[in-house]
Amino acid sequence: MKPLLEKNILKDATINKVQFDKEWFYNFDDIAFYLKEDLSEVDTIFLPMLIDGEREFVKCCTFEDIIRGRKEFK
């Protein structure tokens, strides 16, 4: 399992992200590609995100959701 730090994914330009109410939400598909893991147990929500200049509703998750979902596989 690849180690994951929130400060690293915040800096990573390949991961689309959006902030709502002081909490960061990450594009689920970008995180799954970054980690190269099955994240089917991660809780997600659909949020509007600006991707390549276009507003789209995409599946997103928080850092805590990712950590919680990954622990279930241990």
C-alpha atoms as a PDB file:
ATOM      1  CA  MET A   1       0.000   0.000   0.000  1.00  0.00           C
ATOM      2  CA  LYS A   2       1.426   3.357  -1.073  1.00  0.00           C
ATOM      3  CA  PRO A   3       1.930   5.824   1.821  1.00  0.00           C
ATOM      4  CA  LEU A   4      -0.412   8.778   1.598  1.00  0.00           C
ATOM      5  CA  LEU A   5       0.010  12.258   3.046  1.00  0.00           C
ATOM      6  CA  GLU A   6      -2.578  14.948   2.447  1.00  0.00           C
ATOM      7  CA  LYS A   7       0.055  17.636   1.895  1.00  0.00           C
ATOM      8  CA  ASN A   8       1.463  15.571  -0.996  1.00  0.00           C
ATOM      9  CA  ILE A   9      -1.869  15.146  -2.754  1.00  0.00           C
ATOM     10  CA  LEU A  10      -2.645  18.840  -2.282  1.00  0.00           C
ATOM     11  CA  LYS A  11       0.597  19.664  -4.134  1.00  0.00           C
ATOM     12  CA  ASP A  12       0.067  17.090  -6.896  1.00  0.00           C
ATOM     13  CA  ALA A  13      -1.195  18.849 -10.037  1.00  0.00           C
ATOM     14  CA  THR A  14      -2.486  15.590 -11.558  1.00  0.00           C
ATOM     15  CA  ILE A  15      -5.162  15.272  -8.846  1.00  0.00           C
ATOM     16  CA  ASN A  16      -8.154  17.552  -9.336  1.00  0.00           C
ATOM     17  CA  LYS A  17      -9.460  18.964  -6.079  1.00  0.00           C
ATOM     18  CA  VAL A  18     -11.967  21.469  -4.738  1.00  0.00           C
ATOM     19  CA  GLN A  19     -12.409  23.032  -1.304  1.00  0.00           C
ATOM     20  CA  PHE A  20     -15.824  23.327   0.381  1.00  0.00           C
ATOM     21  CA  ASP A  21     -16.240  24.695   3.914  1.00  0.00           C
ATOM     22  CA  LYS A  22     -12.501  24.449   4.660  1.00  0.00           C
ATOM     23  CA  GLU A  23     -12.388  20.759   3.672  1.00  0.00           C
ATOM     24  CA  TRP A  24     -10.660  19.446   0.551  1.00  0.00           C
ATOM     25  CA  PHE A  25     -12.418  17.006  -1.745  1.00  0.00           C
ATOM     26  CA  TYR A  26     -10.414  15.043  -4.299  1.00  0.00           C
ATOM     27  CA  ASN A  27     -11.496  13.598  -7.622  1.00  0.00           C
ATOM     28  CA  PHE A  28     -12.039   9.907  -6.870  1.00  0.00           C
ATOM     29  CA  ASP A  29     -10.742   8.674 -10.229  1.00  0.00           C
ATOM     30  CA  ASP A  30      -7.556  10.761  -9.890  1.00  0.00           C
ATOM     31  CA  ILE A  31      -6.889   9.361  -6.408  1.00  0.00           C
ATOM     32  CA  ALA A  32      -7.513   5.770  -7.560  1.00  0.00           C
ATOM     33  CA  PHE A  33      -5.091   6.256 -10.466  1.00  0.00           C
ATOM     34  CA  TYR A  34      -2.503   7.918  -8.179  1.00  0.00           C
ATOM     35  CA  LEU A  35      -2.646   5.068  -5.641  1.00  0.00           C
ATOM     36  CA  LYS A  36      -3.201   2.292  -8.213  1.00  0.00           C
ATOM     37  CA  GLU A  37      -5.552   0.588  -5.744  1.00  0.00           C
ATOM     38  CA  ASP A  38      -9.133  -0.616  -5.624  1.00  0.00           C
ATOM     39  CA  LEU A  39     -10.922   2.084  -3.632  1.00  0.00           C
ATOM     40  CA  SER A  40     -14.433   0.684  -3.950  1.00  0.00           C
ATOM     41  CA  GLU A  41     -14.954   0.917  -0.164  1.00  0.00           C
ATOM     42  CA  VAL A  42     -14.269   4.685  -0.083  1.00  0.00           C
ATOM     43  CA  ASP A  43     -17.312   6.891   0.571  1.00  0.00           C
ATOM     44  CA  THR A  44     -17.902   9.395  -2.235  1.00  0.00           C
ATOM     45  CA  ILE A  45     -20.098  12.350  -3.101  1.00  0.00           C
ATOM     46  CA  PHE A  46     -20.737  14.109  -6.420  1.00  0.00           C
ATOM     47  CA  LEU A  47     -19.546  17.729  -6.430  1.00  0.00           C
ATOM     48  CA  PRO A  48     -19.073  20.385  -9.114  1.00  0.00           C
ATOM     49  CA  MET A  49     -15.439  20.728 -10.124  1.00  0.00           C
ATOM     50  CA  LEU A  50     -13.670  22.809 -12.755  1.00  0.00           C
ATOM     51  CA  ILE A  51     -11.740  20.411 -15.016  1.00  0.00           C
ATOM     52  CA  ASP A  52      -9.947  21.688 -18.116  1.00  0.00           C
ATOM     53  CA  GLY A  53     -11.971  24.894 -17.966  1.00  0.00           C
ATOM     54  CA  GLU A  54     -15.343  23.125 -17.836  1.00  0.00           C
ATOM     55  CA  ARG A  55     -17.578  22.638 -14.803  1.00  0.00           C
ATOM     56  CA  GLU A  56     -18.458  18.973 -14.278  1.00  0.00           C
ATOM     57  CA  PHE A  57     -20.069  16.981 -11.489  1.00  0.00           C
ATOM     58  CA  VAL A  58     -17.521  14.344 -10.491  1.00  0.00           C
ATOM     59  CA  LYS A  59     -17.243  11.665  -7.833  1.00  0.00           C
ATOM     60  CA  CYS A  60     -15.176  13.089  -4.961  1.00  0.00           C
ATOM     61  CA  CYS A  61     -13.912  11.996  -1.566  1.00  0.00           C
ATOM     62  CA  THR A  62     -12.145  13.542   1.412  1.00  0.00           C
ATOM     63  CA  PHE A  63      -8.746  12.519   2.716  1.00  0.00           C
ATOM     64  CA  GLU A  64     -10.439  10.931   5.749  1.00  0.00           C
ATOM     65  CA  ASP A  65     -12.745   8.926   3.461  1.00  0.00           C
ATOM     66  CA  ILE A  66      -9.719   7.597   1.588  1.00  0.00           C
ATOM     67  CA  ILE A  67      -7.896   6.571   4.772  1.00  0.00           C
ATOM     68  CA  ARG A  68     -11.016   4.920   6.209  1.00  0.00           C
ATOM     69  CA  GLY A  69     -11.726   3.035   2.954  1.00  0.00           C
ATOM     70  CA  ARG A  70      -8.142   1.847   2.617  1.00  0.00           C
ATOM     71  CA  LYS A  71      -8.068   0.471   6.201  1.00  0.00           C
ATOM     72  CA  GLU A  72     -10.903  -1.915   5.424  1.00  0.00           C
ATOM     73  CA  PHE A  73      -8.588  -3.820   3.065  1.00  0.00           C
ATOM     74  CA  LYS A  74      -5.913  -4.523   5.695  1.00  0.00           C
END
